[in-house]
Protein backbone atom coordinates (compact mmCIF):
# COMPACT_ATOMS: atom_id res chain seq x y z
CA MET A 1 -39.57 3.43 -14.14
CA GLU A 2 -40.26 5.92 -16.95
CA HIS A 3 -43.34 5.83 -19.24
CA LYS A 4 -41.40 4.46 -22.23
CA GLU A 5 -39.90 1.69 -20.12
CA ARG A 6 -43.32 0.70 -18.71
CA GLU A 7 -44.75 0.62 -22.22
CA ALA A 8 -41.87 -1.55 -23.47
CA VAL A 9 -42.52 -4.02 -20.66
CA ALA A 10 -46.25 -4.13 -21.49
CA LEU A 11 -45.55 -4.77 -25.17
CA PHE A 12 -43.14 -7.58 -24.32
CA ARG A 13 -45.73 -9.20 -22.09
CA MET A 14 -48.34 -8.83 -24.80
CA SER A 15 -46.04 -10.53 -27.31
CA LEU A 16 -45.90 -13.60 -25.08
CA ILE A 17 -49.58 -13.92 -24.24
CA GLY A 18 -51.01 -12.92 -27.63
CA ASP A 19 -51.85 -16.48 -28.66
CA LEU A 20 -53.09 -17.35 -25.16
CA ILE A 21 -55.99 -14.91 -25.24
CA VAL A 22 -57.47 -16.28 -28.47
CA THR A 23 -61.04 -17.37 -27.93
CA GLY A 24 -61.87 -21.02 -28.43
CA LEU A 25 -58.45 -22.25 -27.20
CA SER A 26 -58.77 -25.63 -25.50
CA SER A 27 -57.26 -26.26 -22.08
CA GLU A 28 -54.82 -28.81 -23.54
CA GLU A 29 -53.59 -26.34 -26.13
CA ARG A 30 -53.30 -23.60 -23.48
CA THR A 31 -51.24 -25.90 -21.22
CA ARG A 32 -48.94 -26.88 -24.09
CA LEU A 33 -48.37 -23.23 -25.05
CA LEU A 34 -47.68 -22.24 -21.45
CA LYS A 35 -45.03 -24.97 -21.02
CA ASP A 36 -43.45 -24.12 -24.37
CA LYS A 37 -43.21 -20.41 -23.55
CA ALA A 38 -41.89 -21.09 -20.02
CA SER A 39 -39.04 -23.22 -21.43
CA ARG A 40 -37.69 -20.51 -23.72
CA ILE A 41 -35.05 -17.84 -23.07
CA TYR A 42 -35.98 -14.18 -23.47
CA THR A 43 -34.42 -10.73 -23.26
CA ILE A 44 -36.83 -9.14 -20.83
CA PRO A 45 -36.95 -5.33 -20.56
CA GLY A 46 -36.15 -3.91 -17.13
CA THR A 47 -34.64 -7.06 -15.64
CA ARG A 48 -31.77 -9.50 -15.97
CA ARG A 49 -34.05 -12.51 -15.83
CA THR A 50 -34.27 -14.66 -18.95
CA HIS A 51 -37.20 -17.00 -18.17
CA VAL A 52 -40.91 -16.48 -17.50
CA ALA A 53 -42.80 -18.95 -15.29
CA GLU A 54 -46.17 -20.46 -16.29
CA SER A 55 -47.85 -18.84 -13.29
CA THR A 56 -46.52 -15.45 -14.38
CA LEU A 57 -47.93 -15.92 -17.88
CA ARG A 58 -51.36 -16.77 -16.38
CA ASP A 59 -51.18 -13.59 -14.26
CA TRP A 60 -50.43 -11.52 -17.36
CA VAL A 61 -53.45 -13.02 -19.16
CA ARG A 62 -55.70 -12.06 -16.25
CA LEU A 63 -54.23 -8.53 -16.12
CA TYR A 64 -54.81 -8.07 -19.85
CA GLU A 65 -58.40 -9.33 -19.66
CA ALA A 66 -59.07 -6.93 -16.79
CA GLY A 67 -57.35 -3.80 -18.07
CA GLY A 68 -56.04 -4.34 -21.60
CA LEU A 69 -52.54 -3.12 -22.50
CA GLU A 70 -52.60 -0.62 -19.62
CA GLY A 71 -53.09 -3.51 -17.23
CA LEU A 72 -49.84 -5.11 -18.41
CA LYS A 73 -47.77 -2.05 -17.53
CA PRO A 74 -45.77 -2.24 -14.25
CA VAL A 75 -47.47 -0.26 -11.49
CA PHE A 76 -45.69 2.47 -9.57
CA ARG A 77 -44.73 1.46 -6.04
CA CYS A 78 -46.20 3.69 -3.38
CA ASP A 79 -43.14 2.92 -1.20
CA LYS A 80 -40.57 3.65 -3.92
CA GLY A 81 -37.22 4.54 -2.38
CA SER A 82 -37.94 2.50 0.74
CA SER A 83 -37.04 -1.07 1.59
CA ARG A 84 -39.68 -3.73 2.10
CA THR A 85 -37.36 -5.95 4.16
CA VAL A 86 -35.94 -3.23 6.45
CA SER A 87 -38.08 -1.44 9.01
CA THR A 88 -38.54 2.31 8.84
CA GLU A 89 -36.61 2.75 12.10
CA LEU A 90 -33.65 0.71 10.84
CA SER A 91 -33.71 2.51 7.48
CA ASP A 92 -33.52 5.86 9.27
CA LYS A 93 -30.51 4.65 11.27
CA ILE A 94 -28.73 3.44 8.13
CA LEU A 95 -29.37 6.69 6.28
CA ALA A 96 -28.29 8.77 9.29
CA LEU A 97 -24.99 6.90 9.57
CA ARG A 98 -24.23 7.39 5.87
CA GLU A 99 -25.22 11.07 5.96
CA GLU A 100 -23.04 11.60 9.03
CA ASP A 101 -20.01 10.17 7.21
CA PRO A 102 -20.44 9.60 3.43
CA SER A 103 -17.23 7.55 3.37
CA ARG A 104 -18.67 4.83 5.62
CA SER A 105 -19.01 1.53 3.84
CA VAL A 106 -22.11 -0.64 4.02
CA GLN A 107 -20.23 -3.31 5.97
CA THR A 108 -19.11 -0.74 8.54
CA ILE A 109 -22.67 0.58 8.92
CA LEU A 110 -24.00 -2.94 9.57
CA LYS A 111 -21.22 -3.66 12.08
CA MET A 112 -21.89 -0.41 13.93
CA LEU A 113 -25.63 -1.17 14.15
CA ARG A 114 -24.90 -4.66 15.45
CA HIS A 115 -22.40 -3.44 18.07
CA ALA A 116 -24.88 -0.76 19.13
CA GLY A 117 -27.62 -3.34 19.61
CA VAL A 118 -29.89 -1.94 16.88
CA LEU A 119 -29.46 -5.20 14.95
CA GLY A 120 -29.96 -8.39 16.91
CA LYS A 121 -27.50 -11.27 16.81
CA ASP A 122 -29.87 -13.41 14.77
CA GLU A 123 -31.21 -10.57 12.62
CA ARG A 124 -29.85 -10.63 9.09
CA VAL A 125 -29.85 -7.72 6.66
CA ALA A 126 -28.26 -8.32 3.26
CA ALA A 127 -25.66 -5.83 2.12
CA SER A 128 -27.42 -5.66 -1.25
CA THR A 129 -30.57 -4.45 0.52
CA VAL A 130 -28.65 -1.60 2.13
CA TYR A 131 -26.97 -0.77 -1.19
CA ARG A 132 -30.37 -0.43 -2.86
CA LEU A 133 -31.68 1.71 -0.02
CA LEU A 134 -28.72 4.09 -0.29
CA GLU A 135 -28.96 4.11 -4.09
CA ASN A 136 -32.63 5.07 -3.99
CA ARG A 137 -31.90 7.90 -1.57
CA GLY A 138 -28.98 9.25 -3.59
CA LEU A 139 -26.41 8.25 -0.96
CA SER A 140 -24.57 5.57 -2.90
CA LYS A 141 -20.82 5.95 -3.46
CA ARG A 142 -20.88 3.88 -6.62
CA LYS A 143 -20.05 5.71 -9.84
CA ARG A 144 -20.41 4.51 -13.39
CA ARG A 145 -17.00 4.20 -14.97
CA ALA A 146 -16.19 4.84 -18.59
CA PRO A 147 -14.71 1.91 -20.53
CA LEU A 148 -10.91 1.88 -20.33
CA GLY A 149 -10.27 0.65 -23.85
CA LYS A 150 -7.45 -1.60 -22.62
CA ASP A 151 -7.20 -5.30 -21.96
CA ARG A 152 -7.20 -5.61 -18.17
CA ARG A 153 -7.54 -8.95 -16.42
CA ALA A 154 -7.99 -9.94 -12.82
CA PHE A 155 -5.11 -11.98 -11.39
CA ALA A 156 -4.03 -13.51 -8.10
CA MET A 157 -0.89 -15.25 -6.92
CA GLU A 158 -1.11 -18.90 -5.87
CA ARG A 159 0.67 -18.86 -2.51
CA PRO A 160 1.68 -16.52 0.32
CA ASN A 161 4.82 -14.42 -0.14
CA GLN A 162 4.86 -14.95 -3.87
CA CYS A 163 4.24 -11.24 -4.31
CA TRP A 164 3.82 -8.27 -1.96
CA GLN A 165 2.22 -5.03 -3.10
CA SER A 166 3.20 -1.78 -1.43
CA ASP A 167 1.76 1.71 -1.62
CA VAL A 168 1.37 4.91 0.40
CA MET A 169 -1.93 6.56 1.33
CA HIS A 170 -2.37 10.05 2.75
CA GLY A 171 -3.57 9.87 6.34
CA PRO A 172 -5.18 12.28 8.80
CA PRO A 173 -3.22 15.29 10.08
CA LEU A 174 -1.84 15.02 13.61
CA ARG A 175 -0.06 17.41 15.93
CA ASP A 176 3.64 16.62 16.16
CA GLY A 177 4.54 16.31 19.83
CA ARG A 178 8.03 17.67 19.19
CA THR A 179 7.03 20.88 17.42
CA GLY A 180 3.41 21.27 18.48
CA ARG A 181 2.39 21.81 14.85
CA ALA A 182 -0.10 19.82 12.79
CA ARG A 183 1.52 17.55 10.21
CA LYS A 184 0.19 15.27 7.53
CA THR A 185 0.59 11.55 8.08
CA TYR A 186 1.24 8.86 5.48
CA LEU A 187 0.15 5.23 5.68
CA VAL A 188 2.82 2.82 4.39
CA THR A 189 1.40 -0.65 3.70
CA LEU A 190 2.64 -3.98 2.36
CA LEU A 191 -0.10 -6.42 1.27
CA ASP A 192 0.29 -10.09 0.36
CA ASP A 193 -1.27 -10.60 -3.09
CA ALA A 194 -2.43 -14.20 -2.68
CA THR A 195 -4.09 -13.96 0.76
CA ARG A 196 -4.80 -10.21 1.16
CA VAL A 197 -2.99 -10.34 4.50
CA VAL A 198 -1.55 -6.98 5.53
CA VAL A 199 2.02 -8.08 6.26
CA ALA A 200 2.84 -4.67 7.74
CA SER A 201 1.25 -1.22 7.86
CA ALA A 202 2.05 1.93 9.81
CA PHE A 203 1.43 5.67 9.73
CA CYS A 204 4.58 7.77 9.28
CA TRP A 205 5.45 11.45 9.09
CA SER A 206 6.59 11.23 5.46
CA GLU A 207 6.65 8.89 2.47
CA LYS A 208 10.43 8.89 2.14
CA LEU A 209 12.62 5.81 2.07
CA ALA A 210 13.64 6.36 5.71
CA ASP A 211 9.98 5.82 6.69
CA PHE A 212 9.36 2.89 4.34
CA LEU A 213 12.35 0.82 5.47
CA PRO A 214 11.23 0.21 9.11
CA VAL A 215 7.82 -1.00 7.84
CA PHE A 216 9.51 -3.25 5.28
CA ARG A 217 11.86 -4.64 7.94
CA GLU A 218 8.90 -5.37 10.25
CA ALA A 219 7.09 -7.19 7.43
CA LEU A 220 10.13 -9.38 6.76
CA LEU A 221 10.48 -10.28 10.44
CA LYS A 222 6.77 -11.13 10.83
CA ARG A 223 5.98 -12.91 7.55
CA GLY A 224 9.27 -13.92 5.91
CA VAL A 225 10.84 -12.88 2.61
CA PRO A 226 8.70 -12.43 -0.55
CA ASP A 227 9.72 -13.43 -4.05
CA VAL A 228 8.54 -10.13 -5.58
CA LEU A 229 7.99 -6.63 -4.19
CA TYR A 230 5.54 -4.82 -6.49
CA VAL A 231 5.55 -1.03 -6.05
CA ASP A 232 4.70 2.16 -7.90
CA ASN A 233 7.13 4.77 -9.19
CA GLY A 234 7.35 6.94 -6.08
CA ALA A 235 10.72 8.44 -5.20
CA ALA A 236 11.23 6.10 -2.23
CA TYR A 237 10.76 3.01 -4.41
CA LYS A 238 13.20 4.17 -7.10
CA THR A 239 16.24 4.62 -4.85
CA THR A 240 19.43 2.66 -5.38
CA HIS A 241 19.49 1.69 -1.72
CA LEU A 242 16.15 -0.15 -1.95
CA GLN A 243 17.38 -1.93 -5.07
CA VAL A 244 20.50 -3.05 -3.17
CA ILE A 245 18.43 -4.29 -0.20
CA CYS A 246 16.09 -6.30 -2.42
CA ALA A 247 18.98 -7.74 -4.44
CA SER A 248 20.81 -8.83 -1.27
CA LEU A 249 17.63 -10.55 -0.02
CA ARG A 250 16.92 -12.13 -3.45
CA VAL A 251 13.68 -10.17 -3.82
CA ALA A 252 12.68 -9.04 -7.32
CA LEU A 253 11.76 -5.34 -7.18
CA LYS A 254 9.15 -4.57 -9.84
CA HIS A 255 7.52 -1.23 -10.60
CA ALA A 256 4.01 -0.68 -11.95
CA ARG A 257 3.54 1.25 -15.15
CA PRO A 258 3.34 5.01 -14.57
CA TYR A 259 -0.19 6.41 -14.21
CA GLN A 260 -1.69 2.90 -14.16
CA PRO A 261 -3.11 2.40 -10.62
CA GLN A 262 -5.23 -0.51 -11.86
CA GLY A 263 -2.11 -2.67 -11.75
CA LYS A 264 -2.16 -2.41 -7.95
CA GLY A 265 -5.90 -2.88 -7.63
CA LYS A 266 -5.73 -5.08 -4.53
CA ILE A 267 -3.94 -2.57 -2.33
CA GLU A 268 -6.02 0.28 -3.76
CA ARG A 269 -9.12 -1.70 -2.79
CA TRP A 270 -7.68 -2.22 0.68
CA HIS A 271 -7.25 1.53 1.02
CA ARG A 272 -10.95 1.94 0.16
CA THR A 273 -11.89 -0.65 2.78
CA LEU A 274 -9.77 1.10 5.39
CA ARG A 275 -11.30 4.48 4.62
CA GLY A 276 -14.84 3.13 4.63
CA GLN A 277 -14.65 0.86 7.67
CA TRP A 278 -12.12 2.43 10.02
CA LEU A 279 -10.58 5.77 9.11
CA GLY A 280 -13.81 7.76 9.36
CA SER A 281 -14.45 6.51 12.91
CA LEU A 282 -11.23 7.99 14.38
CA ASP A 283 -11.47 10.52 17.20
CA LEU A 284 -8.26 12.48 16.62
CA GLU A 285 -8.45 14.22 19.99
CA ARG A 286 -8.39 10.87 21.76
CA VAL A 287 -5.63 9.71 19.42
CA MET A 288 -3.50 12.71 20.39
CA ALA A 289 -4.16 12.08 24.08
CA ASP A 290 -3.00 8.50 23.57
CA GLY A 291 0.41 9.32 22.12
CA GLY A 292 -0.34 10.84 18.73
CA LEU A 293 1.30 8.76 16.01
CA ASP A 294 1.82 5.78 18.34
CA GLY A 295 -1.84 5.90 19.37
CA LEU A 296 -2.92 6.06 15.74
CA ASN A 297 -0.83 2.99 14.86
CA ALA A 298 -2.15 1.09 17.89
CA ARG A 299 -5.73 1.64 16.68
CA LEU A 300 -4.74 0.64 13.14
CA SER A 301 -3.19 -2.60 14.37
CA ALA A 302 -6.29 -3.42 16.45
CA TRP A 303 -8.53 -3.05 13.39
CA ILE A 304 -6.24 -5.04 11.07
CA GLU A 305 -5.62 -7.96 13.43
CA GLY A 306 -9.02 -8.00 15.13
CA GLU A 307 -11.38 -7.22 12.24
CA TYR A 308 -9.88 -7.15 8.76
CA HIS A 309 -7.80 -10.34 8.99
CA ARG A 310 -10.74 -12.25 10.53
CA THR A 311 -13.50 -11.12 8.15
CA PRO A 312 -14.39 -13.22 5.05
CA HIS A 313 -12.93 -11.55 1.97
CA HIS A 314 -14.88 -11.59 -1.30
CA GLY A 315 -11.62 -11.89 -3.20
CA LEU A 316 -10.92 -15.25 -1.52
CA PRO A 317 -13.69 -17.66 -2.67
CA MET A 318 -13.58 -21.22 -1.31
CA GLN A 319 -14.29 -24.34 -3.36
CA GLY A 320 -17.15 -25.47 -1.13
CA GLY A 321 -18.80 -22.07 -1.22
CA GLY A 322 -18.39 -18.97 0.88
CA TYR A 323 -15.27 -16.87 1.38
CA ALA A 324 -12.10 -17.34 3.39
CA THR A 325 -10.66 -14.76 5.74
CA PRO A 326 -7.18 -13.40 4.92
CA LEU A 327 -5.78 -15.08 8.03
CA ASP A 328 -7.27 -18.47 7.11
CA ALA A 329 -5.99 -18.16 3.54
CA TRP A 330 -2.51 -17.44 4.89
CA MET A 331 -2.53 -20.40 7.28
CA LEU A 332 -3.68 -22.76 4.54
CA GLY A 333 -0.91 -21.79 2.14
CA ALA A 334 1.95 -20.84 4.47
CA THR A 335 4.35 -23.69 3.69
CA GLY A 336 7.94 -23.43 2.54
CA LEU A 337 8.23 -19.71 3.29
CA ARG A 338 11.66 -18.09 3.40
CA ALA A 339 12.45 -16.73 6.85
CA ALA A 340 14.24 -13.42 7.24
CA PRO A 341 18.01 -13.88 7.62
CA ARG A 342 19.55 -13.50 11.07
CA ASP A 343 21.70 -10.62 9.85
CA LEU A 344 18.68 -8.77 8.45
CA ASP A 345 19.85 -5.44 9.89
CA GLU A 346 23.07 -5.74 7.88
CA HIS A 347 21.07 -5.78 4.64
CA PHE A 348 19.44 -2.44 5.50
CA LEU A 349 22.69 -0.53 6.14
CA LEU A 350 23.48 2.21 3.64
CA LYS A 351 27.02 2.24 2.22
CA GLU A 352 28.97 5.49 1.90
CA THR A 353 32.61 6.37 1.24
CA ARG A 354 34.02 8.98 3.63
CA LEU A 355 37.41 10.62 4.31
CA VAL A 356 38.73 10.46 7.86
CA ARG A 357 40.05 13.92 8.70
CA ARG A 358 43.21 14.68 10.63
CA ASP A 359 41.21 15.31 13.78
CA ARG A 360 39.88 11.69 13.39
CA THR A 361 36.33 12.83 12.53
CA VAL A 362 34.00 11.48 9.87
CA HIS A 363 31.10 13.57 8.58
CA LEU A 364 28.03 11.37 8.13
CA ASN A 365 24.34 12.23 7.77
CA ALA A 366 24.85 15.74 9.23
CA GLN A 367 26.66 14.25 12.25
CA LEU A 368 30.30 13.90 13.26
CA PHE A 369 31.73 10.53 14.27
CA GLU A 370 35.14 9.68 15.72
CA ALA A 371 37.33 7.10 13.98
CA PRO A 372 40.50 5.32 15.14
CA ALA A 373 43.76 7.16 14.50
CA GLU A 374 44.94 4.53 12.03
CA TYR A 375 42.35 5.75 9.49
CA ILE A 376 43.47 9.39 9.41
CA ASP A 377 43.68 10.75 5.84
CA ARG A 378 42.17 7.54 4.48
CA LYS A 379 38.94 6.99 2.57
CA VAL A 380 36.88 4.29 4.22
CA GLU A 381 33.62 2.44 3.57
CA VAL A 382 31.09 3.47 6.21
CA ARG A 383 27.69 1.81 6.69
CA TYR A 384 24.78 3.10 8.76
CA ASP A 385 21.01 2.80 9.19
CA PRO A 386 19.37 5.60 7.12
CA ALA A 387 16.01 5.05 8.82
CA ARG A 388 17.35 6.55 12.07
CA GLU A 389 16.85 10.29 12.32
CA VAL A 390 19.71 10.55 14.83
CA LEU A 391 22.48 7.99 14.40
CA ARG A 392 23.88 6.35 17.52
CA GLU A 393 26.54 4.39 15.69
CA ALA A 394 28.04 3.66 12.30
CA PHE A 395 30.47 1.03 11.09
CA ILE A 396 33.71 0.91 9.12
CA TYR A 397 33.94 -2.06 6.76
CA GLU A 398 37.09 -3.47 5.22
CA ARG A 399 36.69 -5.91 2.33
CA GLY A 400 33.04 -6.49 3.23
CA VAL A 401 33.75 -7.27 6.91
CA ARG A 402 32.87 -5.00 9.83
CA ALA A 403 36.14 -3.66 11.24
CA HIS A 404 35.29 -0.84 13.68
CA VAL A 405 32.30 0.80 15.32
CA LEU A 406 32.07 4.60 15.02
CA LYS A 407 30.50 6.56 17.86
CA PRO A 408 29.21 10.15 17.68
CA LEU A 409 31.83 12.77 18.43
CA ASP A 410 31.73 14.09 22.02
CA LEU A 411 33.59 17.40 22.05
CA HIS A 412 33.27 17.92 25.80
CA ALA A 413 34.59 14.45 26.60
CA ASN A 414 37.54 14.95 24.25
CA ALA A 415 38.48 18.10 26.16
CA HIS A 416 39.51 15.86 29.08
CA VAL A 417 41.06 12.99 27.12
CA ARG A 418 44.83 12.73 27.17
CA ARG A 419 46.18 12.63 23.65
CA GLU A 420 48.41 9.86 22.38
CA ARG A 421 51.93 11.22 21.82
CA ASN A 422 54.75 9.86 19.73
CA ASP A 423 57.56 11.54 21.69
CA THR A 424 60.76 9.44 21.66
CA ASN A 425 64.46 10.35 21.94
CA ASP A 426 65.48 7.65 19.57
CA PRO A 427 66.64 9.09 16.25
CA GLN A 428 64.33 8.43 13.37
CA PRO A 429 65.76 6.17 10.68
CA GLN A 430 67.05 8.16 7.72
CA PRO A 431 66.37 7.03 4.18
CA LYS A 432 69.31 5.55 2.29
CA PRO A 433 70.65 8.08 -0.29
CA THR A 434 70.23 7.13 -3.95
CA GLY A 435 73.14 9.29 -5.26
CA LEU A 436 70.85 10.94 -7.82
CA ASN A 437 70.28 14.71 -8.05
CA TYR A 438 67.57 16.07 -10.30
CA ALA A 439 69.34 19.40 -11.08
CA GLU A 440 72.61 17.69 -11.94
CA LEU A 441 70.85 15.14 -14.12
CA LEU A 442 69.15 17.92 -16.08
CA LEU A 443 72.44 19.78 -16.58
CA ALA A 444 74.16 16.69 -17.89
CA THR A 445 71.30 15.94 -20.27
CA HIS A 446 70.71 19.46 -21.65
CA ARG A 447 74.22 21.06 -21.42
CA HIS A 448 74.20 21.69 -25.17
CA LEU A 449 71.23 23.97 -24.71
CA VAL A 450 72.91 26.13 -22.09
CA THR A 451 73.84 29.67 -23.24
CA PRO A 452 76.44 31.42 -21.03
CA ILE A 453 75.37 34.82 -19.66
CA VAL A 454 78.02 37.28 -18.54
CA THR A 455 77.19 38.91 -15.19
CA ARG A 456 79.07 41.42 -13.08
CA SER A 457 81.73 40.04 -10.81
CA GLU A 458 81.98 41.10 -7.22
CA GLY A 459 83.76 44.44 -6.92
CA ASP A 460 83.40 45.26 -10.60
CA ASP A 461 81.95 48.82 -10.81
CA ARG A 462 81.99 49.10 -14.58
């Protein structure tokens, strides 16, 4: 506390006890004044408290009588920057864990100390105590934010699946087993707004629609169909195909305002929790040894299902006090949910119009497929799964109904396939003549326009 602040505190204290130090004051009058002052509300410098107890006022009188105004000033703590409730050994451990990884959250630090046996099962250390310790040592991640100047209000949906939020977060780089090169990963997540349950989340190699759709499909299969899908303005979320999928499932696709991340505060906060509690603890060498991307997603799932979903969430207060876990909040409100339709895969197929060539091939997604001969030279509606990097099949639809399955073209197999021939000795039926001739019709119509031209006759040498 600075000199001016200490002086302001001393003057405030003096203003309260000024009439208590008057000589000749009877004990009855002193008691009445003490009770009157203790019942009032004050704006006290250096604290958020608004009341002063009678015992505190008596202490201030004694301090003033012993040292005057200087005695009313707050004293400097000799252990400033240290915690009175946390031992020196435990403080050193907490500070070392934060210095080792500045992104570690306080909750993660406490969990690590408990798992390591540094904190006993019955030993309790408040998170606020750790926050103050880190703040005093300059290791706090909290930053003072400037006022936004806009009306922003906290909100929450009433029941599960009323609204899902989705966003993409940049993940750690991993070595691609196919190419051997390091590639960036992207975390695709869908979060239930009402319960904070992560309905689906997975690391992918890109943030394109082809990577989002499998995660979205998994969420629908596990948790049912939401009423609203709330997303940002990324390219994957603005595609026509996603709009068609959502419309066919009766899901309202809504986009946040551009450059307004506060609108998706819940999933942004979840990203912070993930970074602080889990992401910094990854051993990427062990992840690569365990399958790379698959190993990374296995560890993510273990943390979500084993820790995050089972930990009380401060955004889920209960009426009787305390906080609910995301999983408990989901179970309490999960009634009347819409299940994913049985033909869910049909909703995710991308529609394209393609021409069947004379060699019966269809060019689709940089691959060739073979169609039945009856479709040669015809434009057909083809549907396929765009999330598959290599297509194993596609489908021809006629009037909204699946008519044929297209398989990838096998050139080597076709080299040994006997072709269907239409060789027959029966004469082909001839069309019935109409008796009309275009040249003769023109001559009859425009004979008056014809100008005779004299040409040489055969044998005429003139």
